[in-house]
Protein backbone atom coordinates (compact mmCIF):
# COMPACT_ATOMS: atom_id res chain seq x y z
CA UNK A 1 -22.65 -3.38 32.76
CA UNK A 2 -20.08 -4.29 29.86
CA UNK A 3 -17.46 -1.80 29.38
CA UNK A 4 -17.68 0.39 25.72
CA UNK A 5 -15.52 -1.52 22.90
CA UNK A 6 -12.40 0.88 22.79
CA UNK A 7 -10.59 1.28 19.38
CA UNK A 8 -7.56 -0.81 20.58
CA UNK A 9 -10.06 -3.56 20.82
CA UNK A 10 -11.19 -3.27 17.40
CA UNK A 11 -8.06 -2.54 15.82
CA UNK A 12 -6.62 -5.86 17.51
CA UNK A 13 -9.81 -7.85 15.96
CA UNK A 14 -8.92 -6.52 12.70
CA UNK A 15 -5.51 -7.07 12.89
CA UNK A 16 -7.02 -11.07 13.95
CA UNK A 17 -9.19 -10.89 11.03
CA UNK A 18 -6.42 -10.29 8.74
CA UNK A 19 -4.18 -12.98 10.07
CA UNK A 20 -7.05 -15.44 9.52
CA UNK A 21 -7.17 -14.55 5.99
CA UNK A 22 -3.71 -15.04 5.21
CA UNK A 23 -1.90 -11.87 5.87
CA UNK A 24 1.02 -10.81 7.58
CA UNK A 25 0.87 -8.42 10.30
CA UNK A 26 2.81 -5.90 12.26
CA UNK A 27 2.56 -2.70 14.34
CA UNK A 28 4.94 -0.13 13.12
CA UNK A 29 4.23 2.39 15.24
CA UNK A 30 8.12 2.42 16.36
CA UNK A 31 9.26 1.85 12.88
CA UNK A 32 13.54 1.70 12.31
CA UNK A 33 14.12 3.93 8.81
CA UNK A 34 16.06 2.79 6.61
CA UNK A 35 16.94 -0.47 3.85
CA UNK A 36 17.84 -3.00 6.76
CA UNK A 37 14.73 -1.48 8.96
CA UNK A 38 11.38 -2.33 9.59
CA UNK A 39 10.06 -2.25 6.63
CA UNK A 40 12.57 -1.04 4.53
CA UNK A 41 11.47 2.82 4.03
CA UNK A 42 14.16 5.42 3.86
CA UNK A 43 11.36 7.99 5.34
CA UNK A 44 8.27 8.52 6.38
CA UNK A 45 7.26 10.62 3.12
CA UNK A 46 7.68 7.14 1.21
CA UNK A 47 4.27 5.25 1.04
CA UNK A 48 5.09 1.80 -1.36
CA UNK A 49 7.08 -0.40 0.68
CA UNK A 50 9.67 -1.08 -2.03
CA UNK A 51 11.71 -4.06 -0.60
CA UNK A 52 8.33 -6.02 -0.68
CA UNK A 53 7.71 -4.80 -3.98
CA UNK A 54 11.13 -5.81 -5.99
CA UNK A 55 10.72 -9.31 -4.58
CA UNK A 56 7.27 -9.63 -5.66
CA UNK A 57 7.49 -8.64 -9.26
CA UNK A 58 10.91 -10.38 -9.19
CA UNK A 59 8.56 -13.28 -8.33
CA UNK A 60 5.36 -12.70 -10.57
CA UNK A 61 7.60 -11.99 -13.38
CA UNK A 62 10.73 -14.68 -14.11
CA UNK A 63 13.31 -13.62 -16.38
CA UNK A 64 12.68 -9.94 -16.43
CA UNK A 65 15.80 -8.47 -16.67
CA UNK A 66 16.73 -6.02 -13.71
CA UNK A 67 16.26 -3.15 -16.27
CA UNK A 68 12.53 -3.91 -16.83
CA UNK A 69 12.33 -4.68 -13.28
CA UNK A 70 13.82 -1.24 -12.12
CA UNK A 71 11.30 0.58 -15.01
CA UNK A 72 8.54 -1.15 -13.59
CA UNK A 73 9.25 0.19 -9.89
CA UNK A 74 10.50 3.43 -11.07
CA UNK A 75 6.79 4.13 -13.48
CA UNK A 76 4.89 2.58 -9.70
CA UNK A 77 6.16 4.71 -7.34
CA UNK A 78 6.75 8.33 -9.50
CA UNK A 79 5.64 11.22 -7.86
CA UNK A 80 2.02 12.11 -9.28
CA UNK A 81 1.88 15.09 -7.07
CA UNK A 82 1.04 17.26 -10.21
CA UNK A 83 -2.07 15.39 -10.82
CA UNK A 84 -5.65 15.63 -9.30
CA UNK A 85 -6.01 12.72 -6.90
CA UNK A 86 -8.55 11.17 -8.76
CA UNK A 87 -6.29 11.00 -11.82
CA UNK A 88 -3.43 9.41 -10.14
CA UNK A 89 -5.89 7.14 -8.49
CA UNK A 90 -6.74 5.77 -11.92
CA UNK A 91 -3.88 5.76 -13.69
CA UNK A 92 -2.06 3.88 -10.50
CA UNK A 93 -5.38 1.62 -10.56
CA UNK A 94 -4.73 0.54 -14.55
CA UNK A 95 -1.45 -0.39 -13.68
CA UNK A 96 -2.31 -2.82 -11.08
CA UNK A 97 -5.16 -3.94 -12.96
CA UNK A 98 -3.09 -4.66 -16.51
CA UNK A 99 0.68 -4.60 -15.56
CA UNK A 100 3.34 -1.74 -16.85
CA UNK A 101 4.66 -1.58 -19.88
CA UNK A 102 8.48 -1.66 -20.01
CA UNK A 103 11.38 -1.47 -22.75
CA UNK A 104 13.84 -4.30 -22.35
CA UNK A 105 16.77 -5.82 -24.15
CA UNK A 106 15.89 -9.03 -26.66
CA UNK A 107 17.25 -12.30 -26.79
CA UNK A 108 21.00 -12.49 -27.47
CA UNK A 109 19.80 -13.99 -30.97
CA UNK A 110 17.33 -11.48 -32.06
CA UNK A 111 19.25 -8.37 -31.02
CA UNK A 112 17.42 -4.92 -30.52
CA UNK A 113 14.54 -4.58 -27.64
CA UNK A 114 11.40 -5.82 -26.71
CA UNK A 115 8.20 -4.40 -24.99
CA UNK A 116 7.34 -6.33 -22.10
CA UNK A 117 3.98 -6.13 -19.84
CA UNK A 118 5.82 -6.34 -15.93
CA UNK A 119 2.55 -7.88 -13.62
CA UNK A 120 2.09 -6.29 -10.22
CA UNK A 121 -0.47 -8.82 -8.93
CA UNK A 122 -1.61 -12.00 -9.49
CA UNK A 123 -5.01 -11.85 -10.47
CA UNK A 124 -5.33 -15.35 -11.21
CA UNK A 125 -3.14 -16.90 -8.06
CA UNK A 126 -3.73 -14.93 -5.00
CA UNK A 127 -1.57 -17.32 -3.08
CA UNK A 128 1.14 -15.69 -4.77
CA UNK A 129 0.72 -12.11 -3.93
CA UNK A 130 2.56 -10.90 -0.60
CA UNK A 131 0.20 -9.46 1.79
CA UNK A 132 0.62 -7.39 4.83
CA UNK A 133 -1.21 -4.88 6.71
CA UNK A 134 0.46 -2.25 8.94
CA UNK A 135 -0.82 -1.34 12.44
CA UNK A 136 -0.20 2.54 13.08
CA UNK A 137 1.51 3.37 9.85
CA UNK A 138 3.45 6.91 9.80
CA UNK A 139 3.03 8.82 7.01
CA UNK A 140 4.73 12.27 6.30
CA UNK A 141 3.22 14.64 3.92
CA UNK A 142 4.54 17.73 2.71
CA UNK A 143 3.38 19.81 6.34
CA UNK A 144 1.82 17.49 8.37
CA UNK A 145 2.50 13.70 9.42
CA UNK A 146 -0.33 11.59 9.75
CA UNK A 147 -0.84 7.76 11.54
CA UNK A 148 -2.66 5.52 9.67
CA UNK A 149 -4.14 2.85 11.64
CA UNK A 150 -4.31 0.09 9.23
CA UNK A 151 -2.38 -0.27 5.90
CA UNK A 152 -3.11 -3.06 4.11
CA UNK A 153 -0.23 -3.81 1.37
CA UNK A 154 -0.30 -5.87 -1.59
CA UNK A 155 2.86 -6.35 -2.68
CA UNK A 156 4.46 -3.35 -1.15
CA UNK A 157 1.47 -1.40 -2.68
CA UNK A 158 -0.86 0.52 -0.22
CA UNK A 159 -3.85 -0.81 -1.51
CA UNK A 160 -6.07 -0.95 1.71
CA UNK A 161 -6.84 2.29 4.15
CA UNK A 162 -8.75 1.35 7.10
CA UNK A 163 -9.54 4.04 9.89
CA UNK A 164 -11.09 2.64 13.24
CA UNK A 165 -13.20 3.85 16.17
CA UNK A 166 -14.35 2.97 19.37
CA UNK A 167 -18.30 2.48 19.90
CA UNK A 168 -18.03 6.19 21.54
CA UNK A 169 -16.96 8.01 18.67
CA UNK A 170 -19.28 9.41 15.55
CA UNK A 171 -18.86 7.37 12.36
CA UNK A 172 -19.54 10.58 10.08
CA UNK A 173 -17.32 12.82 12.47
CA UNK A 174 -14.33 10.40 12.14
CA UNK A 175 -15.13 10.64 8.58
CA UNK A 176 -14.99 14.36 8.76
CA UNK A 177 -12.02 14.58 10.65
CA UNK A 178 -9.75 11.95 9.82
CA UNK A 179 -10.44 10.57 6.38
CA UNK A 180 -10.87 13.93 4.66
CA UNK A 181 -8.18 15.31 6.46
CA UNK A 182 -5.95 12.67 5.30
CA UNK A 183 -6.96 13.04 1.68
CA UNK A 184 -5.62 16.57 1.55
CA UNK A 185 -2.60 16.20 3.84
CA UNK A 186 -0.87 13.52 3.12
CA UNK A 187 -2.32 12.44 -0.71
CA UNK A 188 0.40 10.26 -2.10
CA UNK A 189 -1.22 7.40 0.05
CA UNK A 190 -4.35 7.86 -1.99
CA UNK A 191 -2.76 7.47 -5.36
CA UNK A 192 -2.57 3.60 -4.74
CA UNK A 193 -5.25 3.13 -2.75
CA UNK A 194 -8.35 1.00 -3.80
CA UNK A 195 -10.49 0.23 -0.72
CA UNK A 196 -11.14 2.44 2.22
CA UNK A 197 -12.72 1.79 5.03
CA UNK A 198 -13.89 2.63 8.22
CA UNK A 199 -15.38 1.01 11.02
CA UNK A 200 -16.54 0.96 15.02
CA UNK A 201 -16.60 -1.36 17.59
CA UNK A 202 -19.66 -3.44 18.91
CA UNK A 203 -20.59 -3.13 22.15
């Protein structure tokens, strides 16, 4: 009799698929924090990988002054806890889709400032983006901390959330107990989320 597929088997299969699609991947269960740490996060409450975001924005926006880069990062990562989850997600989605408006110094001969739109994702040439999936990603909420199975980051932004279960788990029960709980306890992860999946193994 074939043994049931366990959660770790499903997780590894998902990682293998991501890698086949060109994503980098790493198990960050025992993440080291700090600028030179595993992901560059200062603490578990941060859900954006600033190190990857900074490099990606500079690459996608050549010639953008440092002040423009700083403004774009500040707008993407600002605290949206006072907003409803839907409103926060809608606002971030617009930034990801259409870019971030910033004001930067104009060329020396022109003087003054000018408006620029900072691209967050290259929709025309996907290979120009940075794709990374984090396995066992810890997130600290206001009170509780949770560990997500897989988080897919595009240019440092956590756009994909995947919850995995073994064949012996009920999908609906997992949705109620895990996903809804995450929405309430670590909402900052879902300000950015544009894709959510849950999966079970197949015997």
